[in-house]
Amino acid sequence: MSESVFVGLCEIVGTSQQVALRRETWDIREMVDRRVTPNDGIIPMMSGSMREGFRLKGSDVDIMFWFNDHRVILDMSQSEYYNTANTTLILSDSSGSPPGFTLLQLLAPSRYREVQSALVRMNGIVYISSSIYRQLTCSTIVPNSSVHGPCGSGNIAGRLEYDTASCFVCDFWPPSASLWIDRCHS
């Protein structure tokens, strides 16, 4: 890359140090917010270009949300790491799915209406339907959002576009992503 292109990118995006500082600042802010602000069990996390430290004119804001007492496991042996009295487990079954896709089997009833209402039965097993769940949660965070891909999307005051995604968190790396665990981050 030529030096003039690099200098131009630094003016638009910021230097690598500025980007890293923005990313770290956002990480700290979210950690503090989680300790200080009660969230009724819903965890927010900024994602996308803003999370990565980029401040690009016209960029939207991407935020993920998940229930803190729900966890996705990749096999039943991982259930030993959780207190199932206060954690709802969801089993990921990607055995018959293309890469990047999985079925989410709810292993115990959820206390959340959105999860319970998104259940479908296939071959005698109860799964969470992603399309029903997305429809039910689309406007949960920002009222009157519209479905856009896996997100609820919209525009606030004609100035700020957003995407919100209601997610389920997994504390384990899926085998298909094992090469990413130790990748270089620079």
N, C-alpha and C. Protein backbone atom coordinates (compact mmCIF):
# COMPACT_ATOMS: atom_id res chain seq x y z
N MET A 1 0.85 -1.16 0.00
CA MET A 1 0.00 0.00 0.00
C MET A 1 0.91 1.23 0.00
N SER A 2 0.55 2.21 -0.78
CA SER A 2 1.37 3.41 -0.85
C SER A 2 1.18 4.26 0.40
N GLU A 3 2.18 5.06 0.68
CA GLU A 3 2.13 5.91 1.88
C GLU A 3 0.98 6.90 1.80
N SER A 4 0.70 7.44 0.61
CA SER A 4 -0.38 8.42 0.47
C SER A 4 -1.75 7.78 0.75
N VAL A 5 -1.93 6.53 0.33
CA VAL A 5 -3.19 5.83 0.62
C VAL A 5 -3.31 5.61 2.12
N PHE A 6 -2.20 5.20 2.75
CA PHE A 6 -2.22 4.97 4.19
C PHE A 6 -2.56 6.25 4.95
N VAL A 7 -1.94 7.36 4.56
CA VAL A 7 -2.20 8.64 5.21
C VAL A 7 -3.66 9.04 5.01
N GLY A 8 -4.20 8.83 3.82
CA GLY A 8 -5.59 9.14 3.54
C GLY A 8 -6.53 8.30 4.40
N LEU A 9 -6.24 7.01 4.55
CA LEU A 9 -7.06 6.15 5.40
C LEU A 9 -7.00 6.58 6.86
N CYS A 10 -5.82 6.98 7.31
CA CYS A 10 -5.69 7.45 8.69
C CYS A 10 -6.52 8.69 8.93
N GLU A 11 -6.64 9.56 7.92
CA GLU A 11 -7.46 10.76 8.06
C GLU A 11 -8.94 10.41 8.11
N ILE A 12 -9.33 9.39 7.35
CA ILE A 12 -10.75 8.99 7.30
C ILE A 12 -11.12 8.14 8.52
N VAL A 13 -10.31 7.14 8.81
CA VAL A 13 -10.64 6.13 9.83
C VAL A 13 -9.97 6.42 11.16
N GLY A 14 -8.78 6.96 11.11
CA GLY A 14 -7.96 7.15 12.31
C GLY A 14 -6.73 6.26 12.24
N THR A 15 -5.75 6.57 13.04
CA THR A 15 -4.55 5.73 13.08
C THR A 15 -4.88 4.41 13.76
N SER A 16 -4.01 3.43 13.61
CA SER A 16 -4.25 2.14 14.26
C SER A 16 -4.31 2.31 15.77
N GLN A 17 -3.54 3.24 16.32
CA GLN A 17 -3.59 3.50 17.76
C GLN A 17 -4.93 4.10 18.17
N GLN A 18 -5.45 5.04 17.38
CA GLN A 18 -6.75 5.65 17.68
C GLN A 18 -7.87 4.61 17.62
N VAL A 19 -7.82 3.76 16.61
CA VAL A 19 -8.83 2.71 16.46
C VAL A 19 -8.77 1.74 17.65
N ALA A 20 -7.55 1.34 18.03
CA ALA A 20 -7.39 0.42 19.17
C ALA A 20 -7.87 1.07 20.46
N LEU A 21 -7.59 2.36 20.64
CA LEU A 21 -8.04 3.07 21.84
C LEU A 21 -9.56 3.17 21.90
N ARG A 22 -10.20 3.45 20.76
CA ARG A 22 -11.66 3.50 20.72
C ARG A 22 -12.26 2.15 21.07
N ARG A 23 -11.68 1.08 20.52
CA ARG A 23 -12.16 -0.28 20.77
C ARG A 23 -12.04 -0.62 22.26
N GLU A 24 -10.89 -0.33 22.84
CA GLU A 24 -10.67 -0.62 24.26
C GLU A 24 -11.58 0.23 25.15
N THR A 25 -11.77 1.49 24.78
CA THR A 25 -12.65 2.37 25.54
C THR A 25 -14.07 1.82 25.55
N TRP A 26 -14.54 1.34 24.40
CA TRP A 26 -15.89 0.78 24.34
C TRP A 26 -15.99 -0.49 25.19
N ASP A 27 -14.96 -1.33 25.16
CA ASP A 27 -14.95 -2.54 26.00
C ASP A 27 -15.09 -2.18 27.48
N ILE A 28 -14.34 -1.19 27.92
CA ILE A 28 -14.37 -0.77 29.32
C ILE A 28 -15.73 -0.18 29.66
N ARG A 29 -16.26 0.64 28.76
CA ARG A 29 -17.58 1.25 29.00
C ARG A 29 -18.64 0.17 29.20
N GLU A 30 -18.64 -0.85 28.36
CA GLU A 30 -19.64 -1.92 28.49
C GLU A 30 -19.46 -2.69 29.80
N MET A 31 -18.22 -2.94 30.20
CA MET A 31 -17.98 -3.64 31.46
C MET A 31 -18.50 -2.83 32.64
N VAL A 32 -18.25 -1.52 32.63
CA VAL A 32 -18.73 -0.65 33.71
C VAL A 32 -20.26 -0.58 33.69
N ASP A 33 -20.84 -0.40 32.52
CA ASP A 33 -22.30 -0.33 32.41
C ASP A 33 -22.96 -1.58 32.96
N ARG A 34 -22.38 -2.74 32.70
CA ARG A 34 -22.96 -4.00 33.18
C ARG A 34 -22.93 -4.09 34.69
N ARG A 35 -21.94 -3.49 35.31
CA ARG A 35 -21.84 -3.50 36.77
C ARG A 35 -22.75 -2.48 37.43
N VAL A 36 -22.95 -1.34 36.76
CA VAL A 36 -23.65 -0.21 37.36
C VAL A 36 -25.15 -0.21 37.05
N THR A 37 -25.51 -0.52 35.82
CA THR A 37 -26.90 -0.39 35.38
C THR A 37 -27.61 -1.73 35.41
N PRO A 38 -28.69 -1.83 36.19
CA PRO A 38 -29.47 -3.07 36.16
C PRO A 38 -30.05 -3.26 34.76
N ASN A 39 -30.01 -4.48 34.25
CA ASN A 39 -30.44 -4.69 32.88
C ASN A 39 -31.51 -5.77 32.75
N ASP A 40 -32.11 -6.17 33.86
CA ASP A 40 -33.17 -7.17 33.83
C ASP A 40 -32.75 -8.44 33.10
N GLY A 41 -31.47 -8.77 33.16
CA GLY A 41 -30.99 -10.00 32.56
C GLY A 41 -30.72 -9.92 31.08
N ILE A 42 -30.87 -8.75 30.48
CA ILE A 42 -30.58 -8.59 29.05
C ILE A 42 -29.24 -7.87 28.92
N ILE A 43 -28.33 -8.49 28.20
CA ILE A 43 -26.99 -7.93 28.02
C ILE A 43 -26.88 -7.30 26.64
N PRO A 44 -26.50 -6.01 26.56
CA PRO A 44 -26.25 -5.37 25.26
C PRO A 44 -24.76 -5.39 24.92
N MET A 45 -24.46 -5.43 23.65
CA MET A 45 -23.06 -5.34 23.21
C MET A 45 -23.02 -4.68 21.84
N MET A 46 -22.27 -3.59 21.75
CA MET A 46 -22.07 -2.92 20.47
C MET A 46 -21.29 -3.87 19.57
N SER A 47 -21.60 -3.86 18.29
CA SER A 47 -20.86 -4.69 17.33
C SER A 47 -20.64 -3.88 16.06
N GLY A 48 -20.11 -4.49 15.06
CA GLY A 48 -19.91 -3.82 13.78
C GLY A 48 -18.76 -2.84 13.81
N SER A 49 -18.79 -1.89 12.87
CA SER A 49 -17.67 -0.97 12.69
C SER A 49 -17.43 -0.09 13.90
N MET A 50 -18.50 0.33 14.60
CA MET A 50 -18.32 1.15 15.81
C MET A 50 -17.56 0.37 16.87
N ARG A 51 -17.92 -0.89 17.06
CA ARG A 51 -17.25 -1.74 18.06
C ARG A 51 -15.77 -1.91 17.71
N GLU A 52 -15.51 -1.97 16.43
CA GLU A 52 -14.13 -2.16 15.97
C GLU A 52 -13.31 -0.87 16.00
N GLY A 53 -13.91 0.23 16.45
CA GLY A 53 -13.17 1.47 16.62
C GLY A 53 -13.23 2.41 15.44
N PHE A 54 -13.99 2.05 14.40
CA PHE A 54 -14.09 2.91 13.23
C PHE A 54 -15.22 3.91 13.41
N ARG A 55 -15.00 5.13 12.99
CA ARG A 55 -16.04 6.16 13.03
C ARG A 55 -16.17 6.70 11.61
N LEU A 56 -17.01 6.05 10.84
CA LEU A 56 -17.18 6.41 9.44
C LEU A 56 -18.50 7.15 9.25
N LYS A 57 -18.45 8.26 8.54
CA LYS A 57 -19.65 9.04 8.30
C LYS A 57 -20.67 8.16 7.56
N GLY A 58 -21.89 8.17 8.06
CA GLY A 58 -22.95 7.39 7.43
C GLY A 58 -23.05 5.96 7.91
N SER A 59 -22.13 5.53 8.79
CA SER A 59 -22.21 4.16 9.31
C SER A 59 -23.39 4.02 10.25
N ASP A 60 -23.97 2.82 10.26
CA ASP A 60 -25.05 2.57 11.19
C ASP A 60 -24.49 2.07 12.52
N VAL A 61 -25.36 1.92 13.50
CA VAL A 61 -25.00 1.40 14.81
C VAL A 61 -25.55 -0.02 14.88
N ASP A 62 -24.70 -0.96 15.25
CA ASP A 62 -25.10 -2.36 15.37
C ASP A 62 -24.98 -2.78 16.83
N ILE A 63 -26.08 -3.32 17.37
CA ILE A 63 -26.07 -3.75 18.77
C ILE A 63 -26.68 -5.14 18.88
N MET A 64 -26.00 -6.00 19.62
CA MET A 64 -26.52 -7.34 19.90
C MET A 64 -27.04 -7.36 21.33
N PHE A 65 -28.08 -8.15 21.58
CA PHE A 65 -28.66 -8.32 22.91
C PHE A 65 -28.88 -9.80 23.14
N TRP A 66 -28.70 -10.22 24.40
CA TRP A 66 -29.02 -11.61 24.73
C TRP A 66 -29.43 -11.72 26.19
N PHE A 67 -30.20 -12.79 26.48
CA PHE A 67 -30.60 -13.08 27.86
C PHE A 67 -29.40 -13.69 28.57
N ASN A 68 -29.01 -13.09 29.68
CA ASN A 68 -27.80 -13.54 30.39
C ASN A 68 -27.96 -14.92 31.02
N ASP A 69 -29.18 -15.38 31.22
CA ASP A 69 -29.37 -16.68 31.85
C ASP A 69 -29.66 -17.80 30.85
N HIS A 70 -29.36 -17.56 29.58
CA HIS A 70 -29.48 -18.58 28.54
C HIS A 70 -28.08 -18.82 27.95
N ARG A 71 -27.72 -20.07 27.76
CA ARG A 71 -26.41 -20.39 27.19
C ARG A 71 -26.56 -21.50 26.15
N VAL A 72 -25.86 -21.33 25.05
CA VAL A 72 -25.80 -22.36 24.02
C VAL A 72 -24.62 -23.27 24.33
N ILE A 73 -24.86 -24.58 24.28
CA ILE A 73 -23.79 -25.55 24.43
C ILE A 73 -23.67 -26.33 23.13
N LEU A 74 -22.48 -26.85 22.87
CA LEU A 74 -22.24 -27.56 21.62
C LEU A 74 -22.40 -29.06 21.75
N ASP A 75 -22.28 -29.57 22.97
CA ASP A 75 -22.59 -30.97 23.25
C ASP A 75 -22.99 -31.09 24.72
N MET A 76 -23.66 -32.16 25.04
CA MET A 76 -24.24 -32.30 26.37
C MET A 76 -23.19 -32.30 27.48
N SER A 77 -21.97 -32.71 27.20
CA SER A 77 -20.93 -32.72 28.25
C SER A 77 -20.65 -31.31 28.78
N GLN A 78 -20.92 -30.28 28.00
CA GLN A 78 -20.69 -28.90 28.44
C GLN A 78 -21.72 -28.43 29.46
N SER A 79 -22.80 -29.16 29.63
CA SER A 79 -23.83 -28.75 30.60
C SER A 79 -23.29 -28.78 32.03
N GLU A 80 -22.23 -29.54 32.29
CA GLU A 80 -21.67 -29.62 33.64
C GLU A 80 -21.09 -28.29 34.12
N TYR A 81 -20.85 -27.36 33.20
CA TYR A 81 -20.27 -26.07 33.57
C TYR A 81 -21.32 -25.05 34.03
N TYR A 82 -22.60 -25.44 34.02
CA TYR A 82 -23.66 -24.50 34.32
C TYR A 82 -24.55 -25.02 35.45
N ASN A 83 -25.07 -24.08 36.22
CA ASN A 83 -26.08 -24.40 37.23
C ASN A 83 -27.42 -24.32 36.51
N THR A 84 -27.98 -25.47 36.19
CA THR A 84 -29.21 -25.50 35.40
C THR A 84 -30.43 -25.02 36.18
N ALA A 85 -30.27 -24.78 37.48
CA ALA A 85 -31.37 -24.20 38.25
C ALA A 85 -31.60 -22.75 37.88
N ASN A 86 -30.54 -22.07 37.41
CA ASN A 86 -30.69 -20.66 37.03
C ASN A 86 -30.16 -20.35 35.63
N THR A 87 -29.87 -21.38 34.83
CA THR A 87 -29.41 -21.17 33.46
C THR A 87 -30.19 -22.09 32.53
N THR A 88 -30.79 -21.50 31.51
CA THR A 88 -31.51 -22.27 30.50
C THR A 88 -30.53 -22.66 29.42
N LEU A 89 -30.38 -23.96 29.18
CA LEU A 89 -29.43 -24.43 28.18
C LEU A 89 -30.12 -24.69 26.85
N ILE A 90 -29.38 -24.38 25.80
CA ILE A 90 -29.82 -24.56 24.42
C ILE A 90 -28.73 -25.36 23.72
N LEU A 91 -29.09 -26.50 23.14
CA LEU A 91 -28.11 -27.36 22.47
C LEU A 91 -28.02 -27.01 21.00
N SER A 92 -26.82 -26.71 20.53
CA SER A 92 -26.58 -26.44 19.12
C SER A 92 -26.39 -27.77 18.40
N ASP A 93 -27.20 -28.00 17.38
CA ASP A 93 -27.10 -29.22 16.58
C ASP A 93 -26.83 -28.83 15.13
N SER A 94 -25.58 -28.87 14.75
CA SER A 94 -25.22 -28.49 13.37
C SER A 94 -24.89 -29.71 12.52
N SER A 95 -25.24 -30.90 13.01
CA SER A 95 -24.89 -32.13 12.31
C SER A 95 -25.45 -32.21 10.90
N GLY A 96 -26.65 -31.70 10.68
CA GLY A 96 -27.24 -31.77 9.35
C GLY A 96 -27.34 -30.42 8.67
N SER A 97 -26.57 -29.45 9.14
CA SER A 97 -26.67 -28.09 8.62
C SER A 97 -25.43 -27.70 7.83
N PRO A 98 -25.58 -26.80 6.86
CA PRO A 98 -24.40 -26.30 6.15
C PRO A 98 -23.54 -25.45 7.10
N PRO A 99 -22.27 -25.22 6.76
CA PRO A 99 -21.40 -24.40 7.61
C PRO A 99 -22.03 -23.05 7.92
N GLY A 100 -21.93 -22.64 9.20
CA GLY A 100 -22.48 -21.36 9.62
C GLY A 100 -23.92 -21.42 10.08
N PHE A 101 -24.55 -22.59 9.99
CA PHE A 101 -25.94 -22.74 10.40
C PHE A 101 -26.05 -23.84 11.45
N THR A 102 -27.08 -23.76 12.29
CA THR A 102 -27.29 -24.76 13.31
C THR A 102 -28.76 -24.77 13.71
N LEU A 103 -29.19 -25.85 14.31
CA LEU A 103 -30.49 -25.91 14.95
C LEU A 103 -30.27 -25.67 16.43
N LEU A 104 -31.16 -24.93 17.06
CA LEU A 104 -31.04 -24.63 18.49
C LEU A 104 -32.16 -25.35 19.24
N GLN A 105 -31.77 -26.39 19.97
CA GLN A 105 -32.73 -27.20 20.72
C GLN A 105 -32.84 -26.67 22.14
N LEU A 106 -34.05 -26.24 22.53
CA LEU A 106 -34.27 -25.76 23.89
C LEU A 106 -34.39 -26.98 24.80
N LEU A 107 -33.48 -27.06 25.80
CA LEU A 107 -33.43 -28.24 26.66
C LEU A 107 -34.34 -28.15 27.88
N ALA A 108 -34.77 -26.95 28.25
CA ALA A 108 -35.69 -26.75 29.38
C ALA A 108 -36.52 -25.51 29.06
N PRO A 109 -37.70 -25.38 29.64
CA PRO A 109 -38.52 -24.20 29.35
C PRO A 109 -37.79 -22.90 29.70
N SER A 110 -38.04 -21.89 28.90
CA SER A 110 -37.47 -20.56 29.13
C SER A 110 -38.48 -19.72 29.90
N ARG A 111 -37.99 -18.80 30.71
CA ARG A 111 -38.90 -17.90 31.43
C ARG A 111 -39.32 -16.71 30.56
N TYR A 112 -38.77 -16.62 29.35
CA TYR A 112 -39.07 -15.50 28.48
C TYR A 112 -40.12 -15.88 27.44
N ARG A 113 -41.15 -15.05 27.35
CA ARG A 113 -42.25 -15.28 26.40
C ARG A 113 -41.74 -15.37 24.96
N GLU A 114 -40.78 -14.51 24.59
CA GLU A 114 -40.27 -14.49 23.22
C GLU A 114 -39.66 -15.84 22.83
N VAL A 115 -38.93 -16.44 23.75
CA VAL A 115 -38.30 -17.74 23.46
C VAL A 115 -39.38 -18.82 23.38
N GLN A 116 -40.25 -18.87 24.37
CA GLN A 116 -41.30 -19.90 24.41
C GLN A 116 -42.21 -19.80 23.18
N SER A 117 -42.50 -18.59 22.73
CA SER A 117 -43.40 -18.39 21.59
C SER A 117 -42.73 -18.72 20.26
N ALA A 118 -41.42 -18.86 20.24
CA ALA A 118 -40.70 -19.14 19.00
C ALA A 118 -40.40 -20.62 18.82
N LEU A 119 -40.96 -21.46 19.67
CA LEU A 119 -40.65 -22.88 19.61
C LEU A 119 -41.42 -23.59 18.50
N VAL A 120 -40.73 -24.51 17.85
CA VAL A 120 -41.33 -25.38 16.84
C VAL A 120 -40.88 -26.81 17.14
N ARG A 121 -41.72 -27.76 16.78
CA ARG A 121 -41.40 -29.17 17.00
C ARG A 121 -41.07 -29.81 15.65
N MET A 122 -39.91 -30.46 15.59
CA MET A 122 -39.50 -31.18 14.39
C MET A 122 -39.02 -32.56 14.83
N ASN A 123 -39.64 -33.60 14.27
CA ASN A 123 -39.27 -34.98 14.61
C ASN A 123 -39.26 -35.21 16.12
N GLY A 124 -40.23 -34.62 16.82
CA GLY A 124 -40.37 -34.83 18.25
C GLY A 124 -39.41 -34.03 19.12
N ILE A 125 -38.60 -33.15 18.52
CA ILE A 125 -37.63 -32.34 19.26
C ILE A 125 -38.05 -30.87 19.17
N VAL A 126 -37.91 -30.15 20.28
CA VAL A 126 -38.32 -28.74 20.33
C VAL A 126 -37.12 -27.84 19.99
N TYR A 127 -37.28 -27.03 18.96
CA TYR A 127 -36.24 -26.11 18.51
C TYR A 127 -36.76 -24.67 18.58
N ILE A 128 -35.82 -23.73 18.61
CA ILE A 128 -36.16 -22.31 18.54
C ILE A 128 -36.12 -21.91 17.07
N SER A 129 -37.23 -21.41 16.56
CA SER A 129 -37.28 -20.95 15.17
C SER A 129 -36.65 -19.57 15.09
N SER A 130 -35.61 -19.44 14.30
CA SER A 130 -34.93 -18.14 14.18
C SER A 130 -35.84 -17.10 13.54
N SER A 131 -36.64 -17.50 12.56
CA SER A 131 -37.51 -16.52 11.90
C SER A 131 -38.62 -16.04 12.84
N ILE A 132 -39.21 -16.95 13.62
CA ILE A 132 -40.24 -16.54 14.57
C ILE A 132 -39.62 -15.68 15.67
N TYR A 133 -38.46 -16.10 16.18
CA TYR A 133 -37.79 -15.35 17.25
C TYR A 133 -37.43 -13.94 16.77
N ARG A 134 -36.90 -13.85 15.55
CA ARG A 134 -36.55 -12.53 14.99
C ARG A 134 -37.80 -11.66 14.87
N GLN A 135 -38.90 -12.22 14.40
CA GLN A 135 -40.14 -11.45 14.26
C GLN A 135 -40.63 -10.96 15.62
N LEU A 136 -40.53 -11.83 16.64
CA LEU A 136 -41.01 -11.47 17.98
C LEU A 136 -40.13 -10.43 18.67
N THR A 137 -38.84 -10.43 18.36
CA THR A 137 -37.90 -9.53 19.05
C THR A 137 -37.51 -8.31 18.22
N CYS A 138 -37.96 -8.23 17.00
CA CYS A 138 -37.55 -7.16 16.08
C CYS A 138 -37.71 -5.77 16.68
N SER A 139 -38.83 -5.51 17.35
CA SER A 139 -39.10 -4.18 17.89
C SER A 139 -38.98 -4.13 19.41
N THR A 140 -38.36 -5.13 20.01
CA THR A 140 -38.22 -5.15 21.46
C THR A 140 -37.33 -4.01 21.95
N ILE A 141 -36.22 -3.78 21.31
CA ILE A 141 -35.25 -2.77 21.76
C ILE A 141 -35.67 -1.38 21.29
N VAL A 142 -35.97 -1.26 20.00
CA VAL A 142 -36.41 0.02 19.44
C VAL A 142 -37.78 -0.22 18.81
N PRO A 143 -38.84 0.35 19.38
CA PRO A 143 -40.18 0.14 18.83
C PRO A 143 -40.27 0.54 17.36
N ASN A 144 -41.13 -0.14 16.65
CA ASN A 144 -41.41 0.12 15.23
C ASN A 144 -40.24 -0.19 14.30
N SER A 145 -39.33 -1.05 14.73
CA SER A 145 -38.25 -1.49 13.85
C SER A 145 -38.83 -2.44 12.81
N SER A 146 -38.11 -2.60 11.72
CA SER A 146 -38.55 -3.55 10.70
C SER A 146 -37.51 -4.65 10.58
N VAL A 147 -37.97 -5.83 10.18
CA VAL A 147 -37.07 -6.96 10.01
C VAL A 147 -36.14 -6.68 8.83
N HIS A 148 -34.85 -6.85 9.06
CA HIS A 148 -33.84 -6.68 8.02
C HIS A 148 -32.78 -7.75 8.24
N GLY A 149 -32.81 -8.82 7.44
CA GLY A 149 -31.91 -9.94 7.67
C GLY A 149 -32.19 -10.52 9.05
N PRO A 150 -31.17 -10.73 9.86
CA PRO A 150 -31.39 -11.28 11.20
C PRO A 150 -31.72 -10.20 12.24
N CYS A 151 -31.89 -8.96 11.82
CA CYS A 151 -31.97 -7.84 12.75
C CYS A 151 -33.31 -7.11 12.71
N GLY A 152 -33.50 -6.28 13.73
CA GLY A 152 -34.50 -5.24 13.71
C GLY A 152 -33.78 -3.98 13.28
N SER A 153 -34.29 -3.28 12.28
CA SER A 153 -33.59 -2.12 11.74
C SER A 153 -34.51 -0.91 11.67
N GLY A 154 -33.88 0.24 11.59
CA GLY A 154 -34.64 1.47 11.45
C GLY A 154 -33.75 2.68 11.45
N ASN A 155 -34.40 3.82 11.65
CA ASN A 155 -33.72 5.10 11.61
C ASN A 155 -34.26 5.95 12.74
N ILE A 156 -33.37 6.54 13.52
CA ILE A 156 -33.77 7.38 14.64
C ILE A 156 -33.61 8.84 14.24
N ALA A 157 -34.73 9.55 14.25
CA ALA A 157 -34.77 10.99 13.96
C ALA A 157 -34.17 11.34 12.60
N GLY A 158 -34.21 10.39 11.66
CA GLY A 158 -33.68 10.65 10.33
C GLY A 158 -32.18 10.82 10.26
N ARG A 159 -31.48 10.54 11.38
CA ARG A 159 -30.03 10.76 11.41
C ARG A 159 -29.22 9.50 11.67
N LEU A 160 -29.77 8.58 12.42
CA LEU A 160 -28.98 7.45 12.86
C LEU A 160 -29.67 6.14 12.50
N GLU A 161 -29.02 5.39 11.60
CA GLU A 161 -29.54 4.07 11.25
C GLU A 161 -29.00 3.05 12.25
N TYR A 162 -29.81 2.05 12.55
CA TYR A 162 -29.40 1.04 13.52
C TYR A 162 -29.84 -0.35 13.08
N ASP A 163 -29.15 -1.34 13.59
CA ASP A 163 -29.52 -2.74 13.49
C ASP A 163 -29.40 -3.32 14.89
N THR A 164 -30.45 -3.98 15.37
CA THR A 164 -30.39 -4.67 16.65
C THR A 164 -30.60 -6.15 16.39
N ALA A 165 -29.81 -6.98 17.04
CA ALA A 165 -29.92 -8.43 16.87
C ALA A 165 -30.12 -9.08 18.24
N SER A 166 -31.20 -9.82 18.38
CA SER A 166 -31.43 -10.60 19.59
C SER A 166 -30.75 -11.95 19.40
N CYS A 167 -29.83 -12.26 20.30
CA CYS A 167 -28.93 -13.40 20.11
C CYS A 167 -29.01 -14.38 21.28
N PHE A 168 -28.32 -15.48 21.11
CA PHE A 168 -28.06 -16.41 22.20
C PHE A 168 -26.55 -16.57 22.27
N VAL A 169 -26.00 -16.54 23.47
CA VAL A 169 -24.55 -16.55 23.64
C VAL A 169 -24.06 -17.98 23.90
N CYS A 170 -22.87 -18.23 23.41
CA CYS A 170 -22.21 -19.52 23.61
C CYS A 170 -20.81 -19.23 24.16
N ASP A 171 -20.43 -19.92 25.23
CA ASP A 171 -19.13 -19.70 25.86
C ASP A 171 -18.02 -20.56 25.24
N PHE A 172 -18.35 -21.32 24.23
CA PHE A 172 -17.39 -22.25 23.62
C PHE A 172 -17.22 -21.95 22.14
N TRP A 173 -16.02 -22.18 21.63
CA TRP A 173 -15.77 -22.03 20.20
C TRP A 173 -16.29 -23.27 19.48
N PRO A 174 -17.07 -23.09 18.40
CA PRO A 174 -17.49 -24.26 17.62
C PRO A 174 -16.28 -24.87 16.91
N PRO A 175 -16.28 -26.17 16.71
CA PRO A 175 -15.13 -26.82 16.05
C PRO A 175 -14.79 -26.19 14.70
N SER A 176 -15.80 -25.73 13.95
CA SER A 176 -15.54 -25.14 12.63
C SER A 176 -14.76 -23.82 12.73
N ALA A 177 -14.70 -23.21 13.92
CA ALA A 177 -13.98 -21.94 14.10
C ALA A 177 -12.68 -22.13 14.87
N SER A 178 -12.24 -23.37 15.05
CA SER A 178 -11.07 -23.63 15.88
C SER A 178 -9.80 -22.93 15.36
N LEU A 179 -9.71 -22.71 14.06
CA LEU A 179 -8.53 -22.03 13.51
C LEU A 179 -8.48 -20.56 13.90
N TRP A 180 -9.61 -19.98 14.30
CA TRP A 180 -9.65 -18.57 14.66
C TRP A 180 -9.18 -18.29 16.07
N ILE A 181 -9.17 -19.30 16.91
CA ILE A 181 -8.87 -19.09 18.33
C ILE A 181 -7.53 -18.43 18.54
N ASP A 182 -6.51 -18.91 17.87
CA ASP A 182 -5.16 -18.41 18.06
C ASP A 182 -4.66 -17.53 16.94
N ARG A 183 -5.57 -17.00 16.12
CA ARG A 183 -5.13 -16.19 14.97
C ARG A 183 -4.49 -14.89 15.46
N CYS A 184 -3.68 -14.34 14.62
CA CYS A 184 -3.02 -13.08 14.92
C CYS A 184 -4.04 -11.95 14.85
N HIS A 185 -4.05 -11.06 15.83
CA HIS A 185 -5.01 -9.96 15.87
C HIS A 185 -4.43 -8.63 15.40
N SER A 186 -3.21 -8.64 14.89
CA SER A 186 -2.62 -7.36 14.48
C SER A 186 -2.76 -7.13 13.00
